[in-house]
């Protein structure tokens, strides 16, 4: 993408990023549990460099927009972990959920806040449990994705990574064509190993869960799946006084089912999905101890060491230092 093309989209002022940081990291607790018995949510851990995985994700978001348009979805019961972190975004951009009800609600609540402030928003969604060895390569794809959805506003643009193995803990995307950006033929979240191998044989990529969409188009996907939830949550965000929103949201979350965004929305929206192939960038999802251990091993084999996007952030736990303990049991 030319610098002129990117500058045009940047200057438009409607590029937003949503960093997801409300998860529990349950599968990783063999590494994240402290001697006290408390497990540190993985987004507040590091891989041994200067800052947490959350700081890394916020820095990636800064490659496509300004801090004023970076929103972070957190959980209220994690306040101990995030309230004192210097995340360099406005405090009103920290959207706190009263409880964890799955990735769908984790996206919907901040999405409604963003659209209330900017109905024309284009949004890049970024998880906060990824490691990337070459941030420049991924950053170029992130900027290209934002340009693509501005020019083709309908649907959701997923970022796909080359599948290195049949990992049943990841999602898979099979593209219709061989181009850099293609329609999606198949999307399947966490299949069994046999199915994953078949998908890879047919060109399947890993779903990074990084995606871009126009805010209104993304909201329509939610309205098709859970219209009552959207209606009630939108009313709270847009019409209820700020002093009463916390209690109203707590009541809504207590009554809501847990909804997985990939299974409940993406898998049922294949016709509205496109996928962008991301060049090799050393991407890894850090969802399980095995994947963290493999990532740390790769990091240590690189003579250049760990690439970091910041220099003065903090983290509560160094995962790299605990992988040996996990390996020895």
Protein backbone atom coordinates (compact mmCIF):
# COMPACT_ATOMS: atom_id res chain seq x y z
CA UNK A 1 0.00 0.00 0.00
CA UNK A 2 1.38 3.43 -0.92
CA UNK A 3 2.10 5.95 1.82
CA UNK A 4 -0.27 8.37 0.08
CA UNK A 5 -3.12 5.83 0.26
CA UNK A 6 -2.48 5.19 3.95
CA UNK A 7 -2.20 8.89 4.78
CA UNK A 8 -5.62 9.46 3.21
CA UNK A 9 -7.24 6.88 5.51
CA UNK A 10 -5.33 8.07 8.59
CA UNK A 11 -6.38 11.68 8.03
CA UNK A 12 -10.03 10.62 7.67
CA UNK A 13 -10.17 10.34 11.45
CA UNK A 14 -12.46 7.31 11.64
CA UNK A 15 -9.90 4.55 12.15
CA UNK A 16 -10.32 2.87 15.54
CA UNK A 17 -8.69 -0.11 17.22
CA UNK A 18 -10.27 -2.38 19.81
CA UNK A 19 -7.90 -4.37 22.00
CA UNK A 20 -9.49 -7.36 23.74
CA UNK A 21 -8.10 -7.76 27.25
CA UNK A 22 -10.93 -9.22 29.32
CA UNK A 23 -10.21 -12.94 29.04
CA UNK A 24 -9.38 -15.27 31.91
CA UNK A 25 -6.57 -17.27 30.26
CA UNK A 26 -7.88 -20.45 31.89
CA UNK A 27 -5.88 -22.84 29.68
CA UNK A 28 -2.65 -21.06 30.59
CA UNK A 29 -3.02 -21.17 34.36
CA UNK A 30 -0.41 -23.91 34.71
CA UNK A 31 2.07 -21.14 33.88
CA UNK A 32 0.35 -18.08 35.33
CA UNK A 33 -0.63 -19.28 38.81
CA UNK A 34 1.38 -17.63 41.59
CA UNK A 35 2.46 -19.26 44.85
CA UNK A 36 -0.51 -17.55 46.49
CA UNK A 37 -2.82 -19.58 44.25
CA UNK A 38 -3.90 -16.55 42.23
CA UNK A 39 -3.58 -16.84 38.44
CA UNK A 40 -2.42 -13.72 36.62
CA UNK A 41 -4.52 -13.14 33.47
CA UNK A 42 -2.14 -13.75 30.57
CA UNK A 43 -2.63 -10.32 29.00
CA UNK A 44 -0.87 -8.83 32.03
CA UNK A 45 2.12 -11.16 31.66
CA UNK A 46 5.17 -10.76 29.44
CA UNK A 47 7.54 -12.98 27.49
CA UNK A 48 10.57 -11.55 29.22
CA UNK A 49 10.92 -8.20 27.49
CA UNK A 50 9.95 -4.84 28.93
CA UNK A 51 6.18 -4.96 28.87
CA UNK A 52 3.05 -7.06 29.04
CA UNK A 53 1.27 -8.75 26.15
CA UNK A 54 -1.41 -6.09 26.56
CA UNK A 55 1.16 -3.33 26.03
CA UNK A 56 2.30 -5.12 22.88
CA UNK A 57 -1.26 -5.22 21.54
CA UNK A 58 -1.81 -1.52 22.30
CA UNK A 59 1.42 -0.71 20.47
CA UNK A 60 0.16 -2.68 17.44
CA UNK A 61 -3.07 -0.71 17.58
CA UNK A 62 -0.99 2.46 17.45
CA UNK A 63 0.23 1.43 13.99
CA UNK A 64 -3.23 2.13 12.53
CA UNK A 65 -4.66 4.95 14.65
CA UNK A 66 -3.97 7.48 17.39
CA UNK A 67 -4.20 6.78 21.16
CA UNK A 68 -7.46 8.78 21.30
CA UNK A 69 -9.07 6.10 19.11
CA UNK A 70 -7.66 3.00 20.80
CA UNK A 71 -10.26 1.31 23.01
CA UNK A 72 -9.41 -1.51 25.42
CA UNK A 73 -12.00 -4.01 26.64
CA UNK A 74 -11.19 -5.12 30.20
CA UNK A 75 -13.02 -6.96 32.99
CA UNK A 76 -14.01 -5.30 36.24
CA UNK A 77 -12.77 -8.22 38.34
CA UNK A 78 -9.30 -7.70 36.77
CA UNK A 79 -9.16 -4.09 37.97
CA UNK A 80 -6.28 -4.98 40.31
CA UNK A 81 -4.19 -5.83 37.26
CA UNK A 82 -5.06 -3.03 34.82
CA UNK A 83 -5.87 0.05 36.88
CA UNK A 84 -2.23 1.04 37.49
CA UNK A 85 -0.82 0.12 34.08
CA UNK A 86 0.33 3.00 31.90
CA UNK A 87 -1.47 2.07 28.69
CA UNK A 88 -1.26 5.57 27.23
CA UNK A 89 -4.88 5.81 26.16
CA UNK A 90 -7.60 8.09 27.59
CA UNK A 91 -9.27 6.63 30.67
CA UNK A 92 -12.70 6.72 29.00
CA UNK A 93 -11.31 4.34 26.36
CA UNK A 94 -11.03 1.59 28.98
CA UNK A 95 -14.37 -0.21 28.70
CA UNK A 96 -14.87 -2.42 31.73
CA UNK A 97 -17.23 -5.40 31.58
CA UNK A 98 -18.97 -6.36 34.84
CA UNK A 99 -18.19 -10.05 34.17
CA UNK A 100 -16.92 -12.35 31.44
CA UNK A 101 -19.68 -13.59 29.14
CA UNK A 102 -17.54 -14.64 26.19
CA UNK A 103 -15.87 -12.92 23.27
CA UNK A 104 -19.11 -11.73 21.65
CA UNK A 105 -20.06 -9.49 24.57
CA UNK A 106 -16.39 -8.55 24.93
CA UNK A 107 -16.56 -7.08 21.42
CA UNK A 108 -20.15 -5.80 21.43
CA UNK A 109 -19.92 -3.52 24.48
CA UNK A 110 -16.88 -1.51 23.31
CA UNK A 111 -18.22 -1.57 19.73
CA UNK A 112 -21.36 0.23 20.91
CA UNK A 113 -19.25 2.77 22.81
CA UNK A 114 -17.14 3.43 19.72
CA UNK A 115 -20.17 3.82 17.45
CA UNK A 116 -21.86 6.12 19.97
CA UNK A 117 -18.83 8.41 19.68
CA UNK A 118 -18.17 7.87 15.97
CA UNK A 119 -20.95 6.30 13.85
CA UNK A 120 -18.58 6.18 10.85
CA UNK A 121 -15.89 4.19 12.67
CA UNK A 122 -13.76 1.57 10.95
CA UNK A 123 -12.42 -0.85 13.56
CA UNK A 124 -9.42 -3.15 13.86
CA UNK A 125 -9.91 -5.83 16.54
CA UNK A 126 -6.75 -7.14 18.24
CA UNK A 127 -6.45 -9.85 20.92
CA UNK A 128 -3.90 -9.26 23.67
CA UNK A 129 -2.38 -12.75 23.86
CA UNK A 130 -0.20 -12.83 20.75
CA UNK A 131 3.53 -12.83 20.10
CA UNK A 132 4.93 -11.52 16.81
CA UNK A 133 8.63 -11.66 15.97
CA UNK A 134 8.40 -9.29 12.99
CA UNK A 135 6.04 -6.49 13.93
CA UNK A 136 6.84 -4.49 10.78
CA UNK A 137 5.42 -7.22 8.54
CA UNK A 138 2.25 -7.57 10.60
CA UNK A 139 1.91 -3.79 10.85
CA UNK A 140 1.88 -3.47 7.06
CA UNK A 141 -0.97 -6.01 6.89
CA UNK A 142 -2.90 -4.19 9.62
CA UNK A 143 -2.73 -0.93 7.68
CA UNK A 144 -3.68 -2.69 4.46
CA UNK A 145 -6.69 -4.28 6.19
CA UNK A 146 -7.95 -0.88 7.34
CA UNK A 147 -7.62 0.48 3.81
CA UNK A 148 -9.46 -2.55 2.39
CA UNK A 149 -12.52 -2.17 4.61
CA UNK A 150 -12.83 1.51 3.84
CA UNK A 151 -12.89 0.73 0.13
CA UNK A 152 -15.08 -2.41 0.58
CA UNK A 153 -17.21 -1.57 3.61
CA UNK A 154 -19.50 -4.60 3.88
CA UNK A 155 -18.51 -7.73 5.74
CA UNK A 156 -15.60 -8.68 8.00
CA UNK A 157 -11.97 -8.98 6.89
CA UNK A 158 -10.10 -11.70 8.78
CA UNK A 159 -6.30 -11.87 8.94
CA UNK A 160 -5.12 -15.41 8.20
CA UNK A 161 -1.75 -16.90 9.15
CA UNK A 162 -0.02 -19.80 7.38
CA UNK A 163 -0.91 -22.98 9.31
CA UNK A 164 2.24 -24.73 10.52
CA UNK A 165 0.47 -27.71 12.09
CA UNK A 166 -2.99 -29.16 12.71
CA UNK A 167 -3.56 -27.46 16.06
CA UNK A 168 -7.09 -28.19 17.39
CA UNK A 169 -6.92 -25.14 19.68
CA UNK A 170 -7.10 -22.68 16.77
CA UNK A 171 -9.65 -21.65 14.16
CA UNK A 172 -9.23 -22.33 10.43
CA UNK A 173 -10.07 -20.33 7.32
CA UNK A 174 -10.20 -21.70 3.78
CA UNK A 175 -10.17 -19.02 1.08
CA UNK A 176 -12.07 -19.15 -2.20
CA UNK A 177 -9.07 -17.97 -4.21
CA UNK A 178 -5.32 -17.62 -4.05
CA UNK A 179 -5.14 -13.82 -3.94
CA UNK A 180 -3.90 -11.73 -1.07
CA UNK A 181 -7.54 -10.95 -0.20
CA UNK A 182 -10.22 -13.53 -0.97
CA UNK A 183 -13.74 -14.53 -0.08
CA UNK A 184 -14.01 -17.23 2.58
CA UNK A 185 -15.19 -20.70 1.55
CA UNK A 186 -15.00 -22.37 4.98
CA UNK A 187 -14.54 -21.13 8.52
CA UNK A 188 -14.30 -23.54 11.44
CA UNK A 189 -13.38 -22.81 15.03
CA UNK A 190 -11.23 -25.36 16.90
CA UNK A 191 -11.88 -28.51 14.84
CA UNK A 192 -10.48 -31.91 15.78
CA UNK A 193 -7.00 -32.78 14.50
CA UNK A 194 -8.26 -34.86 11.58
CA UNK A 195 -10.54 -32.07 10.36
CA UNK A 196 -7.78 -29.50 10.85
CA UNK A 197 -5.43 -31.57 8.67
CA UNK A 198 -8.07 -31.76 5.96
CA UNK A 199 -8.62 -28.01 6.06
CA UNK A 200 -4.87 -27.36 5.80
CA UNK A 201 -4.68 -29.76 2.84
CA UNK A 202 -7.25 -27.55 1.13
CA UNK A 203 -5.27 -24.38 1.81
CA UNK A 204 -6.60 -23.64 5.27
CA UNK A 205 -5.00 -20.85 7.27
CA UNK A 206 -5.03 -20.22 10.98
CA UNK A 207 -7.56 -17.65 12.15
CA UNK A 208 -5.51 -15.10 14.08
CA UNK A 209 -8.71 -13.52 15.51
CA UNK A 210 -7.33 -10.22 14.24
CA UNK A 211 -9.95 -8.69 11.98
CA UNK A 212 -11.15 -5.40 10.55
CA UNK A 213 -14.66 -4.19 9.81
CA UNK A 214 -16.73 -1.08 9.43
CA UNK A 215 -18.40 -0.60 12.79
CA UNK A 216 -21.95 -0.52 11.43
CA UNK A 217 -21.37 -3.65 9.35
CA UNK A 218 -20.02 -5.50 12.38
CA UNK A 219 -22.99 -4.37 14.46
CA UNK A 220 -25.36 -5.81 11.85
CA UNK A 221 -23.75 -9.24 12.32
CA UNK A 222 -24.56 -8.99 16.04
CA UNK A 223 -28.12 -7.87 15.35
CA UNK A 224 -28.70 -10.95 13.20
CA UNK A 225 -27.48 -13.27 15.97
CA UNK A 226 -28.57 -11.67 19.25
CA UNK A 227 -30.92 -8.74 18.53
CA UNK A 228 -32.37 -8.51 22.05
CA UNK A 229 -28.92 -8.30 23.64
CA UNK A 230 -27.86 -5.63 21.14
CA UNK A 231 -31.01 -3.59 21.76
CA UNK A 232 -30.74 -3.61 25.53
CA UNK A 233 -26.99 -2.99 25.60
CA UNK A 234 -27.28 -0.15 23.06
CA UNK A 235 -29.95 1.49 25.22
CA UNK A 236 -27.69 1.35 28.29
CA UNK A 237 -24.67 2.76 26.43
CA UNK A 238 -26.52 5.54 24.63
CA UNK A 239 -29.43 6.51 26.87
CA UNK A 240 -28.78 5.57 30.51
CA UNK A 241 -26.95 8.16 32.68
CA UNK A 242 -23.31 7.24 33.32
CA UNK A 243 -24.00 6.99 37.06
CA UNK A 244 -26.46 4.15 36.46
CA UNK A 245 -24.72 2.30 33.62
CA UNK A 246 -22.57 0.08 35.84
CA UNK A 247 -25.50 -1.45 37.71
CA UNK A 248 -27.60 -1.79 34.57
CA UNK A 249 -24.79 -3.54 32.73
CA UNK A 250 -24.17 -5.85 35.70
CA UNK A 251 -27.82 -6.90 35.60
CA UNK A 252 -27.73 -7.43 31.84
CA UNK A 253 -24.54 -9.52 32.00
CA UNK A 254 -25.95 -11.61 34.85
CA UNK A 255 -28.94 -12.50 32.64
CA UNK A 256 -26.97 -13.05 29.44
CA UNK A 257 -25.66 -16.37 28.12
CA UNK A 258 -22.01 -16.79 27.28
CA UNK A 259 -21.59 -16.22 23.54
CA UNK A 260 -18.47 -17.11 21.56
CA UNK A 261 -17.91 -14.66 18.71
CA UNK A 262 -16.19 -17.13 16.38
CA UNK A 263 -18.66 -19.98 16.80
CA UNK A 264 -21.88 -18.00 17.11
CA UNK A 265 -21.23 -15.17 14.67
CA UNK A 266 -18.31 -15.82 12.31
CA UNK A 267 -19.20 -19.46 11.57
CA UNK A 268 -22.71 -18.35 10.64
CA UNK A 269 -21.58 -15.40 8.54
CA UNK A 270 -19.31 -17.10 5.98
CA UNK A 271 -20.88 -15.23 3.08
CA UNK A 272 -19.90 -11.91 4.65
CA UNK A 273 -16.31 -12.90 5.44
CA UNK A 274 -13.12 -12.19 3.53
CA UNK A 275 -9.58 -13.17 4.46
CA UNK A 276 -6.26 -11.41 4.02
CA UNK A 277 -3.16 -13.63 3.87
CA UNK A 278 -0.51 -12.23 6.20
CA UNK A 279 3.11 -12.84 5.11
CA UNK A 280 5.29 -14.79 7.54
CA UNK A 281 5.75 -12.60 10.61
CA UNK A 282 6.51 -15.07 13.41
CA UNK A 283 2.97 -14.90 14.77
CA UNK A 284 1.92 -17.13 17.65
CA UNK A 285 -1.24 -17.42 19.70
CA UNK A 286 -0.29 -17.86 23.36
CA UNK A 287 -3.38 -19.74 24.44
CA UNK A 288 -1.78 -22.86 25.93
CA UNK A 289 1.40 -23.73 27.86
CA UNK A 290 2.63 -25.73 24.86
CA UNK A 291 2.35 -22.77 22.52
CA UNK A 292 4.05 -20.45 25.03
CA UNK A 293 6.87 -22.95 25.50
CA UNK A 294 7.36 -23.32 21.74
CA UNK A 295 7.31 -19.55 21.27
CA UNK A 296 9.92 -19.00 23.98
CA UNK A 297 12.11 -21.68 22.39
CA UNK A 298 11.92 -19.91 19.04
CA UNK A 299 12.66 -16.55 20.64
CA UNK A 300 15.80 -17.91 22.29
CA UNK A 301 17.01 -19.40 19.00
CA UNK A 302 16.89 -16.01 17.29
CA UNK A 303 20.21 -14.26 17.49
CA UNK A 304 18.49 -10.87 17.30
CA UNK A 305 16.54 -11.53 20.49
CA UNK A 306 13.00 -10.35 21.19
CA UNK A 307 11.46 -7.55 19.17
CA UNK A 308 9.69 -5.02 21.40
CA UNK A 309 7.49 -2.09 20.45
CA UNK A 310 8.07 -0.19 23.70
CA UNK A 311 10.70 0.33 26.34
CA UNK A 312 9.15 1.42 29.60
CA UNK A 313 6.03 -0.68 30.17
CA UNK A 314 5.50 -3.23 32.93
CA UNK A 315 4.13 -6.72 33.47
CA UNK A 316 3.14 -8.75 36.49
CA UNK A 317 4.69 -12.07 35.45
CA UNK A 318 7.40 -13.25 33.05
CA UNK A 319 6.03 -16.29 31.21
CA UNK A 320 9.37 -17.01 29.57
CA UNK A 321 10.90 -17.58 32.98
CA UNK A 322 8.23 -20.14 33.91
CA UNK A 323 8.29 -22.38 30.83
CA UNK A 324 11.18 -24.49 32.17
CA UNK A 325 9.22 -25.09 35.38
CA UNK A 326 6.22 -26.20 33.32
CA UNK A 327 8.32 -28.49 31.11
CA UNK A 328 9.80 -30.27 34.12
CA UNK A 329 6.40 -30.55 35.82
